[in-house]
């Protein structure tokens, strides 16, 4: 870029700039990439923070600037015993998922069975193998500066024009029936979604989409998908633990799909992170990433662990920045119910 000092877009230099210097730099980025600056803001989460700007493109898509950095990503579990990684409560839940429990079992009896499980070398090896095989390996990576979409986007679902919705007799009948039943959303699997928002009904239609079609549409508009390592950095900024907050699930958190959380709770993790980005932190929502011709997922497993009855700790492992299901195949078509995407703009020298 002709008018931007590239070196200043990387940490630790970017972090060392004054607020006014950062604002000047962010204004230049907005000018070069034809973006509107919405605000300057410092975002903080889990004892890390970033001063950046929120931008809006001509298409109405919101972005934030993420500085580049040479950073260690991935996690090394070699030689680390589960008892040294997890606290007693998390170990309890790891073992509990594999206990045969019966209605008349007392809590003391269940606790004793869990204790026996955690003393079973074969079970401990199962945990060790899972950690070793399902998390990305440790490596120092140079992450280049990015403009990153604040929120993740739906795939396959396309908005229906309000006039089209009103003219379709079948959809209007569905809406009338929903109104009579007090329902505010109707979804027909991979077909139509009708929903009521601010007193008005709107609709989305499902369109089968391939991964290649999604990528082509993005590149045609000057956007890219993040790589695995990009995504790991965006989700955790090089945290040296399973989650950005540590190795253990914190059961005081309000977590989606967990039995102790009410549906109307504000979910702890579904807020802007230290870069000002919304990471789903929902095991059902996985983001599409792209590396050298290969599509894969980060941020979720489509709910497989939770649906499999593996409980909160196993169930939430997939939201780790470093979780990586090496056995999962994407196939040709995107699954619009579980697959989401995020646009990035790569800031490079012109």
Protein backbone atom coordinates (compact mmCIF):
# COMPACT_ATOMS: atom_id res chain seq x y z
CA UNK A 1 0.00 0.00 0.00
CA UNK A 2 1.46 3.33 -1.03
CA UNK A 3 0.21 5.45 1.85
CA UNK A 4 0.42 3.04 4.76
CA UNK A 5 3.51 1.99 6.66
CA UNK A 6 3.24 -1.80 6.41
CA UNK A 7 5.49 -2.34 9.41
CA UNK A 8 3.05 -0.48 11.63
CA UNK A 9 0.31 -2.98 10.80
CA UNK A 10 2.11 -5.70 12.78
CA UNK A 11 2.54 -6.21 16.50
CA UNK A 12 4.47 -5.35 18.59
CA UNK A 13 4.85 -2.08 16.61
CA UNK A 14 1.10 -1.51 16.23
CA UNK A 15 0.52 -2.01 19.97
CA UNK A 16 3.27 0.52 20.76
CA UNK A 17 1.62 3.32 18.75
CA UNK A 18 -0.25 6.08 20.53
CA UNK A 19 -4.04 6.28 20.20
CA UNK A 20 -3.76 9.19 17.76
CA UNK A 21 -1.20 7.31 15.66
CA UNK A 22 -3.46 4.24 15.54
CA UNK A 23 -6.41 6.38 14.52
CA UNK A 24 -4.39 7.99 11.74
CA UNK A 25 -3.34 4.55 10.50
CA UNK A 26 -6.91 3.22 10.66
CA UNK A 27 -8.17 6.25 8.73
CA UNK A 28 -5.65 5.50 5.98
CA UNK A 29 -6.85 1.87 5.84
CA UNK A 30 -10.44 3.10 5.46
CA UNK A 31 -9.39 5.40 2.62
CA UNK A 32 -7.41 2.74 0.74
CA UNK A 33 -10.13 0.09 1.02
CA UNK A 34 -13.06 2.46 0.48
CA UNK A 35 -14.60 1.80 3.90
CA UNK A 36 -16.58 3.99 6.27
CA UNK A 37 -15.26 4.19 9.82
CA UNK A 38 -18.08 3.63 12.30
CA UNK A 39 -16.03 4.09 15.46
CA UNK A 40 -12.68 3.60 17.16
CA UNK A 41 -12.79 1.22 20.08
CA UNK A 42 -10.70 -0.92 22.41
CA UNK A 43 -12.04 -4.46 22.75
CA UNK A 44 -11.09 -6.65 25.71
CA UNK A 45 -11.66 -10.29 26.63
CA UNK A 46 -9.86 -12.76 28.88
CA UNK A 47 -7.10 -10.29 29.85
CA UNK A 48 -6.19 -9.35 26.28
CA UNK A 49 -7.20 -6.26 24.34
CA UNK A 50 -6.92 -4.55 20.95
CA UNK A 51 -7.50 -0.94 19.99
CA UNK A 52 -8.99 -0.92 16.51
CA UNK A 53 -11.76 0.50 14.34
CA UNK A 54 -15.10 -0.76 13.13
CA UNK A 55 -15.63 -0.21 9.41
CA UNK A 56 -18.55 -0.62 7.03
CA UNK A 57 -18.25 -1.52 3.36
CA UNK A 58 -20.42 -0.16 0.54
CA UNK A 59 -22.35 -3.46 0.77
CA UNK A 60 -23.15 -2.77 4.42
CA UNK A 61 -20.79 -5.44 5.78
CA UNK A 62 -19.03 -4.53 9.04
CA UNK A 63 -15.31 -5.22 9.48
CA UNK A 64 -12.64 -4.66 12.11
CA UNK A 65 -8.90 -4.28 11.61
CA UNK A 66 -6.78 -7.08 13.10
CA UNK A 67 -3.04 -6.36 13.25
CA UNK A 68 -0.57 -8.97 12.07
CA UNK A 69 1.76 -10.81 14.40
CA UNK A 70 4.34 -13.58 14.59
CA UNK A 71 2.65 -15.88 17.08
CA UNK A 72 2.70 -19.43 18.40
CA UNK A 73 -0.53 -21.26 17.52
CA UNK A 74 -1.70 -24.80 18.20
CA UNK A 75 -1.20 -26.65 21.45
CA UNK A 76 1.25 -29.32 22.60
CA UNK A 77 -0.14 -32.03 24.88
CA UNK A 78 2.91 -34.30 24.70
CA UNK A 79 3.83 -35.67 28.12
CA UNK A 80 0.98 -33.81 29.84
CA UNK A 81 -1.33 -35.96 31.91
CA UNK A 82 -5.05 -35.08 32.02
CA UNK A 83 -4.75 -34.56 35.78
CA UNK A 84 -2.22 -31.79 35.10
CA UNK A 85 -4.39 -30.15 32.41
CA UNK A 86 -7.89 -30.26 33.92
CA UNK A 87 -9.28 -29.51 37.34
CA UNK A 88 -11.26 -32.03 39.38
CA UNK A 89 -14.65 -30.81 38.17
CA UNK A 90 -13.71 -31.08 34.49
CA UNK A 91 -12.17 -34.51 34.98
CA UNK A 92 -15.43 -35.59 36.64
CA UNK A 93 -17.42 -34.59 33.55
CA UNK A 94 -14.91 -36.20 31.18
CA UNK A 95 -15.37 -39.51 32.99
CA UNK A 96 -19.11 -39.13 33.71
CA UNK A 97 -19.94 -39.34 30.00
CA UNK A 98 -18.61 -42.89 29.94
CA UNK A 99 -20.34 -44.16 33.07
CA UNK A 100 -23.37 -46.44 32.83
CA UNK A 101 -25.82 -44.77 35.18
CA UNK A 102 -29.07 -46.29 36.41
CA UNK A 103 -32.06 -44.62 38.03
CA UNK A 104 -31.52 -46.15 41.46
CA UNK A 105 -27.75 -45.38 41.58
CA UNK A 106 -26.85 -43.10 44.49
CA UNK A 107 -24.61 -40.07 43.98
CA UNK A 108 -21.92 -41.67 46.16
CA UNK A 109 -22.01 -44.81 43.98
CA UNK A 110 -21.70 -42.73 40.78
CA UNK A 111 -18.83 -40.72 42.27
CA UNK A 112 -17.01 -43.95 43.15
CA UNK A 113 -17.48 -45.28 39.60
CA UNK A 114 -16.08 -42.02 38.20
CA UNK A 115 -13.08 -42.27 40.53
CA UNK A 116 -12.44 -45.82 39.27
CA UNK A 117 -12.74 -44.61 35.67
CA UNK A 118 -10.14 -41.92 36.24
CA UNK A 119 -7.76 -44.53 37.62
CA UNK A 120 -8.22 -46.71 34.53
CA UNK A 121 -5.12 -46.41 32.33
CA UNK A 122 -7.12 -47.30 29.21
CA UNK A 123 -9.59 -44.46 29.81
CA UNK A 124 -6.78 -41.97 30.52
CA UNK A 125 -5.21 -43.05 27.24
CA UNK A 126 -8.53 -42.31 25.50
CA UNK A 127 -8.41 -38.71 26.76
CA UNK A 128 -4.75 -38.35 25.81
CA UNK A 129 -5.33 -39.75 22.32
CA UNK A 130 -8.31 -37.44 21.79
CA UNK A 131 -6.31 -34.36 22.77
CA UNK A 132 -3.36 -35.41 20.63
CA UNK A 133 -5.42 -36.23 17.53
CA UNK A 134 -8.08 -33.50 17.58
CA UNK A 135 -6.09 -30.33 18.17
CA UNK A 136 -3.72 -28.54 15.81
CA UNK A 137 0.00 -28.90 16.43
CA UNK A 138 2.08 -26.14 17.93
CA UNK A 139 3.81 -23.92 15.41
CA UNK A 140 5.00 -20.31 15.15
CA UNK A 141 3.12 -18.57 12.34
CA UNK A 142 3.27 -15.10 10.82
CA UNK A 143 -0.30 -13.82 10.64
CA UNK A 144 -0.60 -10.93 8.21
CA UNK A 145 -2.85 -7.93 8.93
CA UNK A 146 -6.49 -8.43 8.05
CA UNK A 147 -9.80 -6.66 7.80
CA UNK A 148 -12.19 -9.23 9.30
CA UNK A 149 -15.97 -9.41 9.11
CA UNK A 150 -17.30 -8.79 12.62
CA UNK A 151 -19.99 -11.46 12.48
CA UNK A 152 -20.26 -14.76 10.66
CA UNK A 153 -22.72 -15.13 7.78
CA UNK A 154 -25.33 -17.77 6.95
CA UNK A 155 -24.84 -20.05 3.99
CA UNK A 156 -27.45 -21.27 1.49
CA UNK A 157 -30.30 -19.14 2.88
CA UNK A 158 -31.28 -16.18 0.67
CA UNK A 159 -33.67 -13.39 1.65
CA UNK A 160 -37.09 -13.34 -0.04
CA UNK A 161 -38.32 -9.96 -1.16
CA UNK A 162 -41.24 -8.73 0.95
CA UNK A 163 -43.44 -8.27 -2.15
CA UNK A 164 -42.71 -11.84 -3.27
CA UNK A 165 -43.60 -13.12 0.18
CA UNK A 166 -46.93 -11.28 0.17
CA UNK A 167 -47.86 -12.58 -3.30
CA UNK A 168 -47.21 -16.25 -2.51
CA UNK A 169 -50.50 -17.79 -1.34
CA UNK A 170 -48.88 -20.92 0.13
CA UNK A 171 -46.50 -18.88 2.29
CA UNK A 172 -49.29 -16.56 3.40
CA UNK A 173 -51.36 -19.56 4.49
CA UNK A 174 -48.38 -20.82 6.52
CA UNK A 175 -48.06 -17.40 8.15
CA UNK A 176 -51.80 -17.29 8.99
CA UNK A 177 -51.61 -20.71 10.61
CA UNK A 178 -48.54 -19.66 12.58
CA UNK A 179 -50.28 -16.52 13.79
CA UNK A 180 -53.24 -18.58 15.03
CA UNK A 181 -50.89 -20.85 16.97
CA UNK A 182 -48.78 -17.98 18.32
CA UNK A 183 -45.67 -19.18 16.47
CA UNK A 184 -43.10 -16.62 15.29
CA UNK A 185 -40.96 -18.86 13.05
CA UNK A 186 -41.61 -21.68 10.56
CA UNK A 187 -38.79 -23.65 8.97
CA UNK A 188 -39.18 -26.33 6.31
CA UNK A 189 -35.93 -28.29 6.12
CA UNK A 190 -33.75 -27.02 3.27
CA UNK A 191 -36.71 -25.24 1.70
CA UNK A 192 -38.19 -22.15 3.35
CA UNK A 193 -37.89 -20.19 6.59
CA UNK A 194 -40.57 -17.67 7.55
CA UNK A 195 -40.03 -15.55 10.65
CA UNK A 196 -41.64 -12.64 12.45
CA UNK A 197 -39.41 -9.72 13.39
CA UNK A 198 -40.51 -6.37 14.82
CA UNK A 199 -44.13 -7.22 14.06
CA UNK A 200 -43.58 -8.10 10.38
CA UNK A 201 -43.10 -11.40 8.61
CA UNK A 202 -40.02 -12.04 6.46
CA UNK A 203 -38.70 -15.07 4.62
CA UNK A 204 -35.60 -16.89 3.43
CA UNK A 205 -35.36 -19.57 0.74
CA UNK A 206 -32.80 -22.37 0.75
CA UNK A 207 -30.49 -22.74 -2.24
CA UNK A 208 -28.07 -25.65 -2.53
CA UNK A 209 -24.56 -24.18 -2.67
CA UNK A 210 -21.16 -25.78 -3.16
CA UNK A 211 -18.03 -24.74 -1.32
CA UNK A 212 -16.46 -23.74 -4.62
CA UNK A 213 -19.44 -21.52 -5.49
CA UNK A 214 -19.15 -19.75 -2.13
CA UNK A 215 -15.42 -19.15 -2.62
CA UNK A 216 -15.87 -17.91 -6.19
CA UNK A 217 -18.59 -15.50 -5.14
CA UNK A 218 -16.34 -14.10 -2.42
CA UNK A 219 -13.22 -13.74 -4.57
CA UNK A 220 -15.26 -12.06 -7.31
CA UNK A 221 -16.06 -9.36 -4.72
CA UNK A 222 -12.50 -9.07 -3.42
CA UNK A 223 -12.92 -11.15 -0.27
CA UNK A 224 -11.26 -14.30 1.03
CA UNK A 225 -12.01 -17.04 3.53
CA UNK A 226 -9.66 -17.20 6.53
CA UNK A 227 -7.16 -20.04 6.73
CA UNK A 228 -7.14 -22.43 9.70
CA UNK A 229 -4.29 -20.50 11.30
CA UNK A 230 -5.96 -17.15 10.58
CA UNK A 231 -9.07 -18.40 12.37
CA UNK A 232 -7.10 -19.74 15.33
CA UNK A 233 -5.51 -16.34 15.78
CA UNK A 234 -8.82 -14.50 15.40
CA UNK A 235 -10.44 -16.75 18.02
CA UNK A 236 -7.67 -16.78 20.61
CA UNK A 237 -4.72 -14.51 19.69
CA UNK A 238 -2.23 -17.26 20.40
CA UNK A 239 -3.64 -18.44 23.75
CA UNK A 240 -1.53 -21.26 25.20
CA UNK A 241 -4.53 -23.19 26.49
CA UNK A 242 -7.47 -25.17 25.10
CA UNK A 243 -9.81 -22.17 25.38
CA UNK A 244 -8.99 -18.45 25.40
CA UNK A 245 -9.82 -18.40 29.12
CA UNK A 246 -7.87 -21.55 30.09
CA UNK A 247 -8.01 -25.34 29.87
CA UNK A 248 -11.17 -25.87 31.92
CA UNK A 249 -14.83 -25.22 31.24
CA UNK A 250 -16.12 -22.59 33.67
CA UNK A 251 -19.54 -23.80 34.82
CA UNK A 252 -20.53 -20.33 35.97
CA UNK A 253 -20.72 -19.38 32.27
CA UNK A 254 -24.06 -19.21 30.49
CA UNK A 255 -23.51 -21.60 27.58
CA UNK A 256 -25.78 -22.44 24.69
CA UNK A 257 -27.24 -26.00 24.68
CA UNK A 258 -26.30 -26.57 28.34
CA UNK A 259 -29.02 -27.75 30.73
CA UNK A 260 -28.20 -25.22 33.47
CA UNK A 261 -28.70 -22.28 31.08
CA UNK A 262 -32.14 -20.84 30.36
CA UNK A 263 -33.08 -19.99 26.77
CA UNK A 264 -33.48 -16.32 27.62
CA UNK A 265 -30.02 -16.00 29.20
CA UNK A 266 -27.39 -13.79 27.61
CA UNK A 267 -24.72 -16.30 26.63
CA UNK A 268 -21.31 -15.55 28.12
CA UNK A 269 -19.23 -16.36 25.04
CA UNK A 270 -21.43 -14.87 22.34
CA UNK A 271 -20.03 -11.38 22.68
CA UNK A 272 -17.33 -9.40 20.88
CA UNK A 273 -13.91 -10.88 21.58
CA UNK A 274 -10.59 -9.08 22.04
CA UNK A 275 -10.55 -8.13 18.33
CA UNK A 276 -14.18 -7.00 18.28
CA UNK A 277 -15.22 -10.16 16.40
CA UNK A 278 -18.23 -12.35 17.17
CA UNK A 279 -17.04 -15.95 17.29
CA UNK A 280 -20.05 -18.26 17.62
CA UNK A 281 -18.64 -20.35 20.49
CA UNK A 282 -21.54 -22.68 19.73
CA UNK A 283 -20.58 -26.32 19.00
CA UNK A 284 -23.33 -26.51 16.36
CA UNK A 285 -21.99 -23.54 14.36
CA UNK A 286 -18.83 -24.27 12.40
CA UNK A 287 -17.03 -21.74 10.23
CA UNK A 288 -15.65 -22.63 6.81
CA UNK A 289 -11.90 -22.09 6.38
CA UNK A 290 -9.76 -22.60 3.30
CA UNK A 291 -6.14 -23.71 2.96
CA UNK A 292 -4.42 -24.30 -0.38
CA UNK A 293 -7.42 -25.76 -2.18
CA UNK A 294 -8.89 -27.59 0.83
CA UNK A 295 -12.05 -26.55 2.69
CA UNK A 296 -12.48 -27.49 6.34
CA UNK A 297 -14.15 -26.28 9.53
CA UNK A 298 -13.21 -24.44 12.71
CA UNK A 299 -15.24 -23.51 15.75
CA UNK A 300 -17.66 -26.43 15.99
CA UNK A 301 -18.45 -30.01 15.01
CA UNK A 302 -22.09 -29.56 14.01
CA UNK A 303 -23.05 -30.57 17.55
CA UNK A 304 -21.75 -34.11 17.16
CA UNK A 305 -20.19 -34.42 20.62
CA UNK A 306 -23.17 -32.88 22.40
CA UNK A 307 -25.70 -34.89 20.40
CA UNK A 308 -23.66 -37.99 21.18
CA UNK A 309 -24.33 -37.48 24.87
CA UNK A 310 -20.75 -36.59 25.73
CA UNK A 311 -21.62 -33.75 28.11
CA UNK A 312 -20.37 -30.18 28.47
CA UNK A 313 -16.57 -30.64 28.44
CA UNK A 314 -16.34 -33.02 25.47
CA UNK A 315 -19.22 -31.09 23.91
CA UNK A 316 -17.43 -27.75 24.06
CA UNK A 317 -13.95 -28.92 23.00
CA UNK A 318 -14.89 -28.11 19.35
CA UNK A 319 -15.17 -24.37 20.11
CA UNK A 320 -11.48 -24.29 21.05
CA UNK A 321 -9.40 -22.19 18.63
CA UNK A 322 -7.22 -25.25 18.12
CA UNK A 323 -9.82 -27.99 17.72
CA UNK A 324 -9.32 -29.80 14.43
CA UNK A 325 -11.35 -32.82 13.39
CA UNK A 326 -8.97 -34.49 10.95
CA UNK A 327 -11.48 -37.21 10.04
CA UNK A 328 -14.25 -34.84 8.93
CA UNK A 329 -14.88 -34.51 5.19
CA UNK A 330 -16.67 -31.49 3.77
CA UNK A 331 -17.94 -33.07 0.54
CA UNK A 332 -19.12 -30.84 -2.31
CA UNK A 333 -22.15 -29.10 -0.83
CA UNK A 334 -22.39 -26.75 2.14
CA UNK A 335 -24.78 -27.67 4.96
CA UNK A 336 -26.81 -24.50 5.42
CA UNK A 337 -27.97 -25.55 8.87
CA UNK A 338 -24.51 -25.77 10.42
CA UNK A 339 -21.98 -24.16 8.06
CA UNK A 340 -21.20 -20.44 8.28
CA UNK A 341 -18.56 -18.22 6.73
CA UNK A 342 -16.61 -15.04 7.45
CA UNK A 343 -15.14 -12.63 4.91
CA UNK A 344 -11.61 -11.30 5.28
CA UNK A 345 -9.67 -8.70 3.32
CA UNK A 346 -5.94 -9.37 3.18
CA UNK A 347 -3.94 -6.18 3.64
CA UNK A 348 -0.88 -6.47 1.42
CA UNK A 349 1.58 -4.15 -0.32
CA UNK A 350 0.21 -2.71 -3.56
